[in-house]
């Protein structure tokens, strides 16, 4: 059973990201402040939910949330600042988008940088413990999946519609055969043997 609040502050924001381990596409972060009476039977860590359930939850979360923000850190910036910094930067940018300033921030994972003067807490597996982090994980994942489906149209041979940019065998075989695209992260080890890629 997910808890609604960690800090006791009513304007507590949960934040999470999707796409850290991908070879292509952006890291997408989201931040969500839920109302004190929020409830939805389906809500859970997005990784535990089917795609259908995530998309069912998204409009409900967006409608019921007191505030939410979603931000994209594209592959060039990921390459420039590294994937951990990209995740934290994405979370900060999502919090910046909120229409109300949060009093406390809860973060999925164990790494975060101070945002303004707002106190925060990092929570390992927070998306399976707190509703606002779970809600942020659903938004981050669905917005990222939408983007990967869009760029799949441009480069169907990588099958991003299905693998979403993760390092599946099929994705790696496509990189081996066709080389890297503008959407691939050049700082990542795209192939286990890291051939010289046709960039």
Protein backbone atom coordinates (compact mmCIF):
# COMPACT_ATOMS: atom_id res chain seq x y z
CA UNK A 1 0.00 0.00 0.00
CA UNK A 2 1.55 3.30 -1.10
CA UNK A 3 1.72 6.14 1.42
CA UNK A 4 0.42 9.58 0.51
CA UNK A 5 2.90 11.69 2.46
CA UNK A 6 6.42 11.46 3.87
CA UNK A 7 7.20 14.86 5.39
CA UNK A 8 3.94 16.06 6.93
CA UNK A 9 3.96 19.12 4.63
CA UNK A 10 0.82 19.39 2.52
CA UNK A 11 2.72 20.72 -0.51
CA UNK A 12 5.07 17.76 -0.84
CA UNK A 13 6.29 17.00 -4.35
CA UNK A 14 7.41 13.57 -5.54
CA UNK A 15 9.87 13.35 -8.42
CA UNK A 16 11.22 10.54 -10.59
CA UNK A 17 12.72 9.92 -14.02
CA UNK A 18 12.60 7.38 -16.85
CA UNK A 19 15.17 6.35 -19.43
CA UNK A 20 18.44 6.45 -17.50
CA UNK A 21 19.60 3.07 -18.78
CA UNK A 22 18.65 3.64 -22.41
CA UNK A 23 21.05 3.84 -25.34
CA UNK A 24 18.90 6.34 -27.23
CA UNK A 25 16.42 9.09 -26.58
CA UNK A 26 16.02 11.50 -23.67
CA UNK A 27 15.94 11.10 -19.92
CA UNK A 28 12.45 12.28 -18.94
CA UNK A 29 11.68 13.50 -15.43
CA UNK A 30 8.40 14.40 -13.76
CA UNK A 31 7.33 16.05 -10.51
CA UNK A 32 3.86 15.75 -8.96
CA UNK A 33 2.11 17.34 -5.97
CA UNK A 34 -0.98 15.31 -5.04
CA UNK A 35 -3.95 16.56 -3.00
CA UNK A 36 -4.33 15.26 0.58
CA UNK A 37 -7.29 13.04 -0.33
CA UNK A 38 -5.78 11.50 -3.48
CA UNK A 39 -6.46 7.84 -4.15
CA UNK A 40 -6.45 5.49 -7.12
CA UNK A 41 -6.48 1.70 -6.83
CA UNK A 42 -4.18 1.23 -9.82
CA UNK A 43 -1.41 3.58 -8.75
CA UNK A 44 1.93 1.84 -8.25
CA UNK A 45 5.54 2.07 -9.38
CA UNK A 46 5.25 2.44 -13.19
CA UNK A 47 7.53 -0.59 -13.69
CA UNK A 48 4.91 -2.75 -11.94
CA UNK A 49 2.10 -1.54 -14.21
CA UNK A 50 1.09 -2.60 -17.70
CA UNK A 51 1.35 0.00 -20.44
CA UNK A 52 -2.47 0.13 -20.61
CA UNK A 53 -2.72 0.91 -16.88
CA UNK A 54 -0.03 3.61 -17.07
CA UNK A 55 -1.93 5.38 -19.85
CA UNK A 56 -5.18 4.99 -17.93
CA UNK A 57 -3.58 6.63 -14.90
CA UNK A 58 -1.92 9.55 -16.67
CA UNK A 59 -5.00 11.73 -17.35
CA UNK A 60 -6.33 10.98 -13.85
CA UNK A 61 -3.04 12.07 -12.25
CA UNK A 62 -2.89 15.22 -14.40
CA UNK A 63 -6.49 16.13 -13.60
CA UNK A 64 -6.30 15.47 -9.85
CA UNK A 65 -2.76 16.71 -9.08
CA UNK A 66 -2.41 20.11 -7.42
CA UNK A 67 0.53 20.65 -9.80
CA UNK A 68 2.79 18.63 -12.09
CA UNK A 69 5.72 19.19 -14.44
CA UNK A 70 7.50 17.02 -17.04
CA UNK A 71 10.90 17.76 -18.58
CA UNK A 72 13.04 16.17 -21.29
CA UNK A 73 16.84 16.04 -21.17
CA UNK A 74 17.81 15.08 -24.71
CA UNK A 75 20.70 12.79 -25.61
CA UNK A 76 23.17 15.61 -26.47
CA UNK A 77 22.78 17.09 -23.00
CA UNK A 78 22.96 13.61 -21.42
CA UNK A 79 26.29 13.14 -23.22
CA UNK A 80 27.50 16.52 -22.06
CA UNK A 81 26.64 16.33 -18.35
CA UNK A 82 26.34 12.50 -17.79
CA UNK A 83 23.22 10.51 -17.10
CA UNK A 84 23.09 11.01 -13.32
CA UNK A 85 23.35 14.81 -13.69
CA UNK A 86 20.75 14.61 -16.48
CA UNK A 87 18.33 12.85 -14.10
CA UNK A 88 18.83 15.44 -11.36
CA UNK A 89 18.66 18.36 -13.84
CA UNK A 90 15.44 16.90 -15.26
CA UNK A 91 13.92 16.63 -11.79
CA UNK A 92 14.89 20.24 -11.01
CA UNK A 93 13.35 21.46 -14.28
CA UNK A 94 10.15 19.54 -13.59
CA UNK A 95 9.89 21.11 -10.12
CA UNK A 96 10.49 24.54 -11.71
CA UNK A 97 7.41 24.01 -13.88
CA UNK A 98 5.07 23.52 -10.92
CA UNK A 99 2.38 26.17 -10.58
CA UNK A 100 2.83 26.13 -6.78
CA UNK A 101 6.11 26.05 -4.88
CA UNK A 102 6.53 22.82 -2.90
CA UNK A 103 7.44 22.82 0.79
CA UNK A 104 9.26 19.49 0.64
CA UNK A 105 10.68 17.27 -2.13
CA UNK A 106 10.79 13.47 -2.07
CA UNK A 107 13.03 11.87 -4.68
CA UNK A 108 13.16 8.35 -6.05
CA UNK A 109 16.66 6.91 -5.63
CA UNK A 110 19.64 7.97 -3.53
CA UNK A 111 21.08 10.97 -5.39
CA UNK A 112 19.81 14.54 -5.58
CA UNK A 113 21.14 18.10 -5.37
CA UNK A 114 19.59 20.79 -3.23
CA UNK A 115 16.84 22.66 -5.08
CA UNK A 116 16.55 26.29 -3.92
CA UNK A 117 16.12 26.26 -0.13
CA UNK A 118 13.53 23.48 -0.18
CA UNK A 119 14.29 20.49 2.08
CA UNK A 120 14.37 17.09 0.39
CA UNK A 121 14.73 13.39 1.08
CA UNK A 122 15.97 10.67 -1.27
CA UNK A 123 14.06 7.38 -0.95
CA UNK A 124 15.36 4.16 -2.47
CA UNK A 125 12.51 2.44 -4.36
CA UNK A 126 10.43 5.50 -3.51
CA UNK A 127 8.20 4.84 -6.53
CA UNK A 128 6.98 1.67 -4.78
CA UNK A 129 6.46 3.48 -1.44
CA UNK A 130 4.95 6.95 -2.03
CA UNK A 131 2.04 7.95 -4.26
CA UNK A 132 3.53 11.21 -5.53
CA UNK A 133 6.76 9.49 -6.64
CA UNK A 134 4.74 6.68 -8.25
CA UNK A 135 2.59 9.29 -10.03
CA UNK A 136 5.77 11.06 -11.25
CA UNK A 137 7.14 7.71 -12.49
CA UNK A 138 3.94 7.12 -14.50
CA UNK A 139 4.14 10.56 -16.14
CA UNK A 140 7.88 10.28 -16.88
CA UNK A 141 7.49 6.82 -18.39
CA UNK A 142 4.42 7.56 -20.55
CA UNK A 143 5.77 10.88 -21.89
CA UNK A 144 9.05 9.18 -22.73
CA UNK A 145 7.30 6.23 -24.40
CA UNK A 146 5.26 8.66 -26.53
CA UNK A 147 8.47 10.35 -27.65
CA UNK A 148 10.18 7.04 -28.48
CA UNK A 149 7.17 5.98 -30.57
CA UNK A 150 7.41 9.27 -32.45
CA UNK A 151 11.12 8.89 -33.31
CA UNK A 152 10.49 5.22 -34.17
CA UNK A 153 8.65 6.48 -37.27
CA UNK A 154 11.89 8.11 -38.40
CA UNK A 155 14.15 5.10 -37.66
CA UNK A 156 11.91 2.00 -37.61
CA UNK A 157 14.87 -0.40 -37.96
CA UNK A 158 15.77 0.10 -34.26
CA UNK A 159 12.22 -0.83 -33.12
CA UNK A 160 12.11 1.89 -30.44
CA UNK A 161 8.33 1.52 -30.44
CA UNK A 162 8.92 -1.77 -28.63
CA UNK A 163 12.30 -1.51 -26.85
CA UNK A 164 11.98 2.24 -26.04
CA UNK A 165 15.75 2.67 -26.51
CA UNK A 166 16.80 0.11 -23.90
CA UNK A 167 19.82 -2.11 -24.72
CA UNK A 168 17.94 -5.16 -25.99
CA UNK A 169 19.66 -7.67 -28.23
CA UNK A 170 17.52 -6.48 -31.15
CA UNK A 171 18.46 -2.82 -30.53
CA UNK A 172 22.17 -3.66 -30.32
CA UNK A 173 21.99 -5.74 -33.50
CA UNK A 174 20.39 -2.79 -35.31
CA UNK A 175 23.22 -0.49 -34.10
CA UNK A 176 25.72 -3.07 -35.34
CA UNK A 177 24.03 -3.17 -38.73
CA UNK A 178 22.98 0.45 -39.29
CA UNK A 179 25.27 2.42 -36.97
CA UNK A 180 24.20 5.07 -34.45
CA UNK A 181 21.62 7.80 -35.12
CA UNK A 182 21.28 11.39 -33.92
CA UNK A 183 19.09 9.98 -31.12
CA UNK A 184 21.78 7.69 -29.68
CA UNK A 185 23.81 8.70 -26.64
CA UNK A 186 27.40 8.90 -27.82
CA UNK A 187 28.78 8.69 -24.25
CA UNK A 188 27.14 5.28 -23.73
CA UNK A 189 28.67 1.95 -24.59
CA UNK A 190 26.32 1.23 -27.47
CA UNK A 191 27.79 -2.19 -28.21
CA UNK A 192 29.53 -4.60 -25.82
CA UNK A 193 32.58 -4.68 -28.10
CA UNK A 194 32.18 -0.92 -28.89
CA UNK A 195 33.06 -1.04 -32.55
CA UNK A 196 33.94 2.12 -34.37
CA UNK A 197 30.46 3.35 -35.18
CA UNK A 198 29.33 5.03 -38.33
CA UNK A 199 28.22 8.34 -36.83
